[in-house]
Structures are given as C-alpha cells and as structure tokens.
Amino acid sequence: MSDIFREVDEDLRQERYVKLWSRFGKYVIGAIVAIVVVAAVVIAWQNIVEGRRQAEGERFAEALDMARQGAAEQAATAFNRLAEDSGSGYRALARLQAAAALVRAGNTAEAVTVYDQLATDGAVDRILRDLGALLAAMHSFDNASNDEMAQRLGPLVLDSNAWRYSAREMQALVLYRGGDVVQARTLLEALVDDSEAPNGIRTRAAELLGAIGGEG
C-alpha cells in the first residue's frame, strides 16, 4: 500500500511541476532570450564599428534575412557555416543565431548541440561560452534527467559565473521537479534576498516561492 501512496504523491508533485513550468518557464526563457539579443547587438556593433570582416557581415545579414523569411533550417545551416569560418565576434553570434533558428524550426535537439559547441569553443569569450552552456541547459530541460541537468548547471551556479542567477533559478526548478522541495525553497529564498540578483529573477523567485510554499 505504501508504494501506491508514494506513486500517487509523485504523480501529484509532477502535475504541480508541470503547472509551475507552464506558468513560469516562458518568463525564464524570455529573460535569457533578451540577454542573447543584447549580447548579439553588442557583438555585431563592435564588428561594424571596427570595420572588420565585411564579407562575414554580409553573410550574417543574408542568413538573418533567411531566418526572418521563415527559412529556419536554411538559416541555421548558413549561420553554422559562418561560425566555422569566422574568427571574429561573428563566430559566437552565428552560433547563437543558428541555435535559435533550429529552435524555431522545432529541432531542439540539434539546437542544444549547437549551444554545446559554443560552450566548448575556446576561441570565444568566456561569458559567451557560459551563455551557450546556459541556453543548452535551458533547452534540454524538458527531456534531460535531473542528474544531467545538475551536471550542466553545476559550473554555472558558482559565484564567479556571470549567469549564476539564471542558472540558480533553473536549478530550483530542477530540484522541485525531483521532489526536493525544501532545497528548492532554500535556493529561491536566497535569490529573493540577494540584492545583486536582477529584479526580474527576484520577482519570479518570490512568485515561485508562493506557488510551492505550502509543500514539503
């Protein structure tokens, strides 16, 4: 009988998790997408100002036009080719855009592969490699096991990492999904109390705390 009650409890927790992710997941992803856009604009602007690699800029613009016209798969291919050929800031930017195009095309698994390539590219600045790792984790969330998510997020939640607050927010959701409500709550409380955390993350953490506050 205890096994039956345990299964019912797990089913109920999973149902609550799905509701939480449906409510808050899009905001987490939206926040990261906004960061990507800012990073992309900065990198592109630096290249334009410096006047380097004009041909790469033209290739990037052509691939971007493909994406805007809805040819996501073709755009992803063009962006990936540019990333392989480029040694400038377009290398990271093209990876980000290629992965984003693949997500729009519904090919999330391949997008995660591209994000992982960015995360391990030694020619790219550390902050952008970590951004690739964060986005890979985010788009792996629905299909990855809790152990895999813990491995992906481990380096990103460290105090020295620029993306630690977004990573910790996701980590709390992973903990909650795994049934560790107490630890998830502790992590969310720390985010709420951290004056250096972005306001959007602190607000979402408080809302999540309200949603899971009665459990555990």
C-alpha atoms as a PDB file:
ATOM      1  CA  MET A   1       0.000   0.000   0.000  1.00  0.00           C
ATOM      2  CA  SER A   2       2.833   2.415   0.787  1.00  0.00           C
ATOM      3  CA  ASP A   3       4.079   2.042  -2.802  1.00  0.00           C
ATOM      4  CA  ILE A   4       0.675   3.062  -4.116  1.00  0.00           C
ATOM      5  CA  PHE A   5       0.586   6.176  -1.942  1.00  0.00           C
ATOM      6  CA  ARG A   6       4.124   7.032  -2.980  1.00  0.00           C
ATOM      7  CA  GLU A   7       3.195   6.789  -6.657  1.00  0.00           C
ATOM      8  CA  VAL A   8       0.135   8.981  -6.129  1.00  0.00           C
ATOM      9  CA  ASP A   9       2.259  11.569  -4.303  1.00  0.00           C
ATOM     10  CA  GLU A  10       4.825  11.571  -7.114  1.00  0.00           C
ATOM     11  CA  ASP A  11       2.087  11.963  -9.728  1.00  0.00           C
ATOM     12  CA  LEU A  12       0.611  14.912  -7.851  1.00  0.00           C
ATOM     13  CA  ARG A  13       4.009  16.562  -7.495  1.00  0.00           C
ATOM     14  CA  GLN A  14       4.697  16.065 -11.209  1.00  0.00           C
ATOM     15  CA  GLU A  15       1.350  17.642 -12.043  1.00  0.00           C
ATOM     16  CA  ARG A  16       2.180  20.660  -9.855  1.00  0.00           C
ATOM     17  CA  TYR A  17       5.594  20.895 -11.505  1.00  0.00           C
ATOM     18  CA  VAL A  18       4.044  20.938 -14.985  1.00  0.00           C
ATOM     19  CA  LYS A  19       1.727  23.742 -13.922  1.00  0.00           C
ATOM     20  CA  LEU A  20       4.637  25.701 -12.465  1.00  0.00           C
ATOM     21  CA  TRP A  21       6.745  25.294 -15.612  1.00  0.00           C
ATOM     22  CA  SER A  22       3.798  26.297 -17.795  1.00  0.00           C
ATOM     23  CA  ARG A  23       3.374  29.415 -15.691  1.00  0.00           C
ATOM     24  CA  PHE A  24       6.977  30.476 -15.161  1.00  0.00           C
ATOM     25  CA  GLY A  25       9.070  28.658 -17.780  1.00  0.00           C
ATOM     26  CA  LYS A  26       8.266  31.069 -20.591  1.00  0.00           C
ATOM     27  CA  TYR A  27       9.411  34.002 -18.476  1.00  0.00           C
ATOM     28  CA  VAL A  28      12.703  32.308 -17.650  1.00  0.00           C
ATOM     29  CA  ILE A  29      13.331  31.614 -21.328  1.00  0.00           C
ATOM     30  CA  GLY A  30      12.172  35.102 -22.281  1.00  0.00           C
ATOM     31  CA  ALA A  31      14.667  36.678 -19.909  1.00  0.00           C
ATOM     32  CA  ILE A  32      17.533  34.692 -21.392  1.00  0.00           C
ATOM     33  CA  VAL A  33      16.420  35.484 -24.950  1.00  0.00           C
ATOM     34  CA  ALA A  34      16.516  39.189 -24.065  1.00  0.00           C
ATOM     35  CA  ILE A  35      20.075  38.745 -22.791  1.00  0.00           C
ATOM     36  CA  VAL A  36      21.037  36.965 -26.011  1.00  0.00           C
ATOM     37  CA  VAL A  37      19.638  39.815 -28.097  1.00  0.00           C
ATOM     38  CA  VAL A  38      21.646  42.360 -26.122  1.00  0.00           C
ATOM     39  CA  ALA A  39      24.816  40.281 -26.427  1.00  0.00           C
ATOM     40  CA  ALA A  40      24.204  39.850 -30.146  1.00  0.00           C
ATOM     41  CA  VAL A  41      23.740  43.574 -30.709  1.00  0.00           C
ATOM     42  CA  VAL A  42      26.927  44.391 -28.785  1.00  0.00           C
ATOM     43  CA  ILE A  43      29.000  41.883 -30.739  1.00  0.00           C
ATOM     44  CA  ALA A  44      27.576  42.936 -34.085  1.00  0.00           C
ATOM     45  CA  TRP A  45      28.071  46.617 -33.281  1.00  0.00           C
ATOM     46  CA  GLN A  46      31.689  46.051 -32.269  1.00  0.00           C
ATOM     47  CA  ASN A  47      32.367  44.398 -35.584  1.00  0.00           C
ATOM     48  CA  ILE A  48      30.632  47.137 -37.536  1.00  0.00           C
ATOM     49  CA  VAL A  49      32.497  49.894 -35.684  1.00  0.00           C
ATOM     50  CA  GLU A  50      35.848  48.193 -36.132  1.00  0.00           C
ATOM     51  CA  GLY A  51      35.096  47.603 -39.775  1.00  0.00           C
ATOM     52  CA  ARG A  52      36.427  44.060 -39.708  1.00  0.00           C
ATOM     53  CA  ARG A  53      35.431  41.124 -41.813  1.00  0.00           C
ATOM     54  CA  GLN A  54      32.976  42.874 -44.068  1.00  0.00           C
ATOM     55  CA  ALA A  55      32.345  39.677 -46.003  1.00  0.00           C
ATOM     56  CA  GLU A  56      31.340  37.889 -42.807  1.00  0.00           C
ATOM     57  CA  GLY A  57      28.956  40.717 -42.006  1.00  0.00           C
ATOM     58  CA  GLU A  58      27.312  40.294 -45.377  1.00  0.00           C
ATOM     59  CA  ARG A  59      26.970  36.544 -44.876  1.00  0.00           C
ATOM     60  CA  PHE A  60      25.480  37.125 -41.458  1.00  0.00           C
ATOM     61  CA  ALA A  61      22.941  39.585 -42.888  1.00  0.00           C
ATOM     62  CA  GLU A  62      21.955  37.102 -45.608  1.00  0.00           C
ATOM     63  CA  ALA A  63      21.411  34.323 -43.064  1.00  0.00           C
ATOM     64  CA  LEU A  64      19.427  36.699 -40.883  1.00  0.00           C
ATOM     65  CA  ASP A  65      17.169  37.507 -43.848  1.00  0.00           C
ATOM     66  CA  MET A  66      16.553  33.779 -44.337  1.00  0.00           C
ATOM     67  CA  ALA A  67      15.518  33.461 -40.704  1.00  0.00           C
ATOM     68  CA  ARG A  68      13.194  36.450 -40.952  1.00  0.00           C
ATOM     69  CA  GLN A  69      11.558  34.960 -44.038  1.00  0.00           C
ATOM     70  CA  GLY A  70      10.831  31.732 -42.162  1.00  0.00           C
ATOM     71  CA  ALA A  71      13.538  29.574 -43.757  1.00  0.00           C
ATOM     72  CA  ALA A  72      14.794  28.487 -40.351  1.00  0.00           C
ATOM     73  CA  GLU A  73      16.657  25.324 -41.398  1.00  0.00           C
ATOM     74  CA  GLN A  74      18.477  27.091 -44.241  1.00  0.00           C
ATOM     75  CA  ALA A  75      19.309  29.982 -41.949  1.00  0.00           C
ATOM     76  CA  ALA A  76      20.710  27.609 -39.347  1.00  0.00           C
ATOM     77  CA  THR A  77      22.933  25.975 -41.962  1.00  0.00           C
ATOM     78  CA  ALA A  78      24.201  29.359 -43.149  1.00  0.00           C
ATOM     79  CA  PHE A  79      24.868  30.547 -39.602  1.00  0.00           C
ATOM     80  CA  ASN A  80      26.723  27.334 -38.749  1.00  0.00           C
ATOM     81  CA  ARG A  81      28.915  27.641 -41.831  1.00  0.00           C
ATOM     82  CA  LEU A  82      29.713  31.220 -40.911  1.00  0.00           C
ATOM     83  CA  ALA A  83      30.590  30.152 -37.368  1.00  0.00           C
ATOM     84  CA  GLU A  84      33.002  27.533 -38.710  1.00  0.00           C
ATOM     85  CA  ASP A  85      34.696  30.057 -40.993  1.00  0.00           C
ATOM     86  CA  SER A  86      34.750  33.064 -38.684  1.00  0.00           C
ATOM     87  CA  GLY A  87      37.430  34.027 -36.223  1.00  0.00           C
ATOM     88  CA  SER A  88      35.741  37.259 -35.188  1.00  0.00           C
ATOM     89  CA  GLY A  89      32.826  38.106 -32.937  1.00  0.00           C
ATOM     90  CA  TYR A  90      30.528  36.710 -35.610  1.00  0.00           C
ATOM     91  CA  ARG A  91      31.641  33.224 -34.576  1.00  0.00           C
ATOM     92  CA  ALA A  92      29.692  33.314 -31.306  1.00  0.00           C
ATOM     93  CA  LEU A  93      26.861  35.385 -32.714  1.00  0.00           C
ATOM     94  CA  ALA A  94      26.369  32.968 -35.611  1.00  0.00           C
ATOM     95  CA  ARG A  95      26.221  30.009 -33.206  1.00  0.00           C
ATOM     96  CA  LEU A  96      23.555  31.749 -31.128  1.00  0.00           C
ATOM     97  CA  GLN A  97      21.501  32.606 -34.178  1.00  0.00           C
ATOM     98  CA  ALA A  98      21.889  29.126 -35.678  1.00  0.00           C
ATOM     99  CA  ALA A  99      20.615  27.515 -32.500  1.00  0.00           C
ATOM    100  CA  ALA A 100      17.744  29.991 -32.222  1.00  0.00           C
ATOM    101  CA  ALA A 101      16.728  29.212 -35.819  1.00  0.00           C
ATOM    102  CA  LEU A 102      16.771  25.484 -35.076  1.00  0.00           C
ATOM    103  CA  VAL A 103      14.552  26.015 -32.030  1.00  0.00           C
ATOM    104  CA  ARG A 104      12.073  27.912 -34.207  1.00  0.00           C
ATOM    105  CA  ALA A 105      12.165  25.036 -36.688  1.00  0.00           C
ATOM    106  CA  GLY A 106      11.302  22.611 -33.901  1.00  0.00           C
ATOM    107  CA  ASN A 107      14.705  20.926 -33.923  1.00  0.00           C
ATOM    108  CA  THR A 108      15.564  21.491 -30.274  1.00  0.00           C
ATOM    109  CA  ALA A 109      17.974  18.550 -30.001  1.00  0.00           C
ATOM    110  CA  GLU A 110      20.186  19.920 -32.770  1.00  0.00           C
ATOM    111  CA  ALA A 111      19.927  23.403 -31.255  1.00  0.00           C
ATOM    112  CA  VAL A 112      21.292  22.018 -27.977  1.00  0.00           C
ATOM    113  CA  THR A 113      24.208  20.534 -29.939  1.00  0.00           C
ATOM    114  CA  VAL A 114      24.992  23.963 -31.397  1.00  0.00           C
ATOM    115  CA  TYR A 115      24.779  25.604 -27.967  1.00  0.00           C
ATOM    116  CA  ASP A 116      27.122  22.919 -26.640  1.00  0.00           C
ATOM    117  CA  GLN A 117      29.556  23.680 -29.466  1.00  0.00           C
ATOM    118  CA  LEU A 118      29.555  27.326 -28.439  1.00  0.00           C
ATOM    119  CA  ALA A 119      30.045  26.360 -24.787  1.00  0.00           C
ATOM    120  CA  THR A 120      33.230  24.427 -25.620  1.00  0.00           C
ATOM    121  CA  ASP A 121      34.675  26.819 -28.212  1.00  0.00           C
ATOM    122  CA  GLY A 122      37.977  28.075 -26.812  1.00  0.00           C
ATOM    123  CA  ALA A 123      38.128  30.848 -29.416  1.00  0.00           C
ATOM    124  CA  VAL A 124      35.079  32.546 -27.877  1.00  0.00           C
ATOM    125  CA  ASP A 125      34.999  34.805 -24.808  1.00  0.00           C
ATOM    126  CA  ARG A 126      34.205  33.000 -21.574  1.00  0.00           C
ATOM    127  CA  ILE A 127      30.982  34.890 -20.917  1.00  0.00           C
ATOM    128  CA  LEU A 128      29.578  33.794 -24.285  1.00  0.00           C
ATOM    129  CA  ARG A 129      30.711  30.193 -23.799  1.00  0.00           C
ATOM    130  CA  ASP A 130      28.854  30.159 -20.497  1.00  0.00           C
ATOM    131  CA  LEU A 131      25.817  31.696 -22.190  1.00  0.00           C
ATOM    132  CA  GLY A 132      25.878  28.815 -24.657  1.00  0.00           C
ATOM    133  CA  ALA A 133      26.037  26.355 -21.755  1.00  0.00           C
ATOM    134  CA  LEU A 134      23.116  28.053 -20.036  1.00  0.00           C
ATOM    135  CA  LEU A 135      20.969  28.003 -23.170  1.00  0.00           C
ATOM    136  CA  ALA A 136      21.875  24.369 -23.804  1.00  0.00           C
ATOM    137  CA  ALA A 137      20.705  23.521 -20.301  1.00  0.00           C
ATOM    138  CA  MET A 138      17.532  25.531 -20.703  1.00  0.00           C
ATOM    139  CA  HIS A 139      16.545  23.838 -23.943  1.00  0.00           C
ATOM    140  CA  SER A 140      17.450  20.414 -22.507  1.00  0.00           C
ATOM    141  CA  PHE A 141      15.190  20.972 -19.520  1.00  0.00           C
ATOM    142  CA  ASP A 142      12.105  19.078 -20.667  1.00  0.00           C
ATOM    143  CA  ASN A 143      13.924  15.948 -21.807  1.00  0.00           C
ATOM    144  CA  ALA A 144      17.053  15.767 -19.649  1.00  0.00           C
ATOM    145  CA  SER A 145      17.213  13.824 -16.406  1.00  0.00           C
ATOM    146  CA  ASN A 146      17.758  15.660 -13.135  1.00  0.00           C
ATOM    147  CA  ASP A 147      21.295  14.249 -12.981  1.00  0.00           C
ATOM    148  CA  GLU A 148      22.097  15.598 -16.438  1.00  0.00           C
ATOM    149  CA  MET A 149      20.639  18.984 -15.538  1.00  0.00           C
ATOM    150  CA  ALA A 150      22.688  19.075 -12.333  1.00  0.00           C
ATOM    151  CA  GLN A 151      25.822  18.353 -14.358  1.00  0.00           C
ATOM    152  CA  ARG A 152      25.015  21.073 -16.881  1.00  0.00           C
ATOM    153  CA  LEU A 153      24.166  23.682 -14.274  1.00  0.00           C
ATOM    154  CA  GLY A 154      26.978  22.855 -11.843  1.00  0.00           C
ATOM    155  CA  PRO A 155      29.618  25.265 -13.234  1.00  0.00           C
ATOM    156  CA  LEU A 156      27.005  27.934 -13.976  1.00  0.00           C
ATOM    157  CA  VAL A 157      25.709  28.361 -10.418  1.00  0.00           C
ATOM    158  CA  LEU A 158      29.133  29.244  -8.989  1.00  0.00           C
ATOM    159  CA  ASP A 159      29.588  32.703  -7.510  1.00  0.00           C
ATOM    160  CA  SER A 160      32.185  33.527 -10.171  1.00  0.00           C
ATOM    161  CA  ASN A 161      29.834  32.865 -13.093  1.00  0.00           C
ATOM    162  CA  ALA A 162      28.139  35.804 -14.818  1.00  0.00           C
ATOM    163  CA  TRP A 163      24.958  33.776 -15.424  1.00  0.00           C
ATOM    164  CA  ARG A 164      24.680  32.338 -11.906  1.00  0.00           C
ATOM    165  CA  TYR A 165      21.321  33.899 -11.079  1.00  0.00           C
ATOM    166  CA  SER A 166      19.565  32.493 -14.151  1.00  0.00           C
ATOM    167  CA  ALA A 167      21.254  29.150 -13.554  1.00  0.00           C
ATOM    168  CA  ARG A 168      20.159  29.078  -9.909  1.00  0.00           C
ATOM    169  CA  GLU A 169      16.602  29.897 -10.909  1.00  0.00           C
ATOM    170  CA  MET A 170      16.635  26.901 -13.239  1.00  0.00           C
ATOM    171  CA  GLN A 171      18.338  24.786 -10.596  1.00  0.00           C
ATOM    172  CA  ALA A 172      15.464  25.477  -8.214  1.00  0.00           C
ATOM    173  CA  LEU A 173      13.006  24.185 -10.812  1.00  0.00           C
ATOM    174  CA  VAL A 174      15.113  21.051 -11.290  1.00  0.00           C
ATOM    175  CA  LEU A 175      15.184  20.441  -7.543  1.00  0.00           C
ATOM    176  CA  TYR A 176      11.444  20.917  -7.320  1.00  0.00           C
ATOM    177  CA  ARG A 177      10.873  18.534 -10.216  1.00  0.00           C
ATOM    178  CA  GLY A 178      12.997  15.958  -8.414  1.00  0.00           C
ATOM    179  CA  GLY A 179      10.901  16.268  -5.269  1.00  0.00           C
ATOM    180  CA  ASP A 180      13.474  18.200  -3.197  1.00  0.00           C
ATOM    181  CA  VAL A 181      11.038  20.964  -2.289  1.00  0.00           C
ATOM    182  CA  VAL A 182      12.962  22.087   0.795  1.00  0.00           C
ATOM    183  CA  GLN A 183      16.189  22.687  -1.132  1.00  0.00           C
ATOM    184  CA  ALA A 184      14.300  24.345  -3.983  1.00  0.00           C
ATOM    185  CA  ARG A 185      12.660  26.682  -1.494  1.00  0.00           C
ATOM    186  CA  THR A 186      16.025  27.475   0.128  1.00  0.00           C
ATOM    187  CA  LEU A 187      17.539  28.368  -3.233  1.00  0.00           C
ATOM    188  CA  LEU A 188      14.597  30.575  -4.188  1.00  0.00           C
ATOM    189  CA  GLU A 189      14.723  32.366  -0.842  1.00  0.00           C
ATOM    190  CA  ALA A 190      18.412  33.079  -1.419  1.00  0.00           C
ATOM    191  CA  LEU A 191      17.587  34.597  -4.809  1.00  0.00           C
ATOM    192  CA  VAL A 192      14.868  36.779  -3.320  1.00  0.00           C
ATOM    193  CA  ASP A 193      17.220  38.016  -0.590  1.00  0.00           C
ATOM    194  CA  ASP A 194      20.174  38.672  -2.914  1.00  0.00           C
ATOM    195  CA  SER A 195      20.232  42.400  -3.630  1.00  0.00           C
ATOM    196  CA  GLU A 196      22.634  41.840  -6.545  1.00  0.00           C
ATOM    197  CA  ALA A 197      20.269  39.495  -8.393  1.00  0.00           C
ATOM    198  CA  PRO A 198      18.333  41.024 -11.315  1.00  0.00           C
ATOM    199  CA  ASN A 199      14.910  42.314 -10.302  1.00  0.00           C
ATOM    200  CA  GLY A 200      13.110  40.043 -12.747  1.00  0.00           C
ATOM    201  CA  ILE A 201      14.712  36.936 -11.284  1.00  0.00           C
ATOM    202  CA  ARG A 202      13.999  38.047  -7.717  1.00  0.00           C
ATOM    203  CA  THR A 203      10.362  38.683  -8.626  1.00  0.00           C
ATOM    204  CA  ARG A 204       9.936  35.282 -10.286  1.00  0.00           C
ATOM    205  CA  ALA A 205      11.673  33.570  -7.354  1.00  0.00           C
ATOM    206  CA  ALA A 206       9.198  35.193  -4.954  1.00  0.00           C
ATOM    207  CA  GLU A 207       6.277  34.066  -7.119  1.00  0.00           C
ATOM    208  CA  LEU A 208       7.640  30.533  -7.265  1.00  0.00           C
ATOM    209  CA  LEU A 209       8.048  30.529  -3.504  1.00  0.00           C
ATOM    210  CA  GLY A 210       4.395  31.480  -3.198  1.00  0.00           C
ATOM    211  CA  ALA A 211       3.450  28.645  -5.526  1.00  0.00           C
ATOM    212  CA  ILE A 212       5.389  25.939  -3.658  1.00  0.00           C
ATOM    213  CA  GLY A 213       5.317  27.436  -0.178  1.00  0.00           C
ATOM    214  CA  GLY A 214       2.720  25.039   1.142  1.00  0.00           C
ATOM    215  CA  GLU A 215       4.586  21.897   0.093  1.00  0.00           C
ATOM    216  CA  GLY A 216       7.443  19.908   1.532  1.00  0.00           C
END
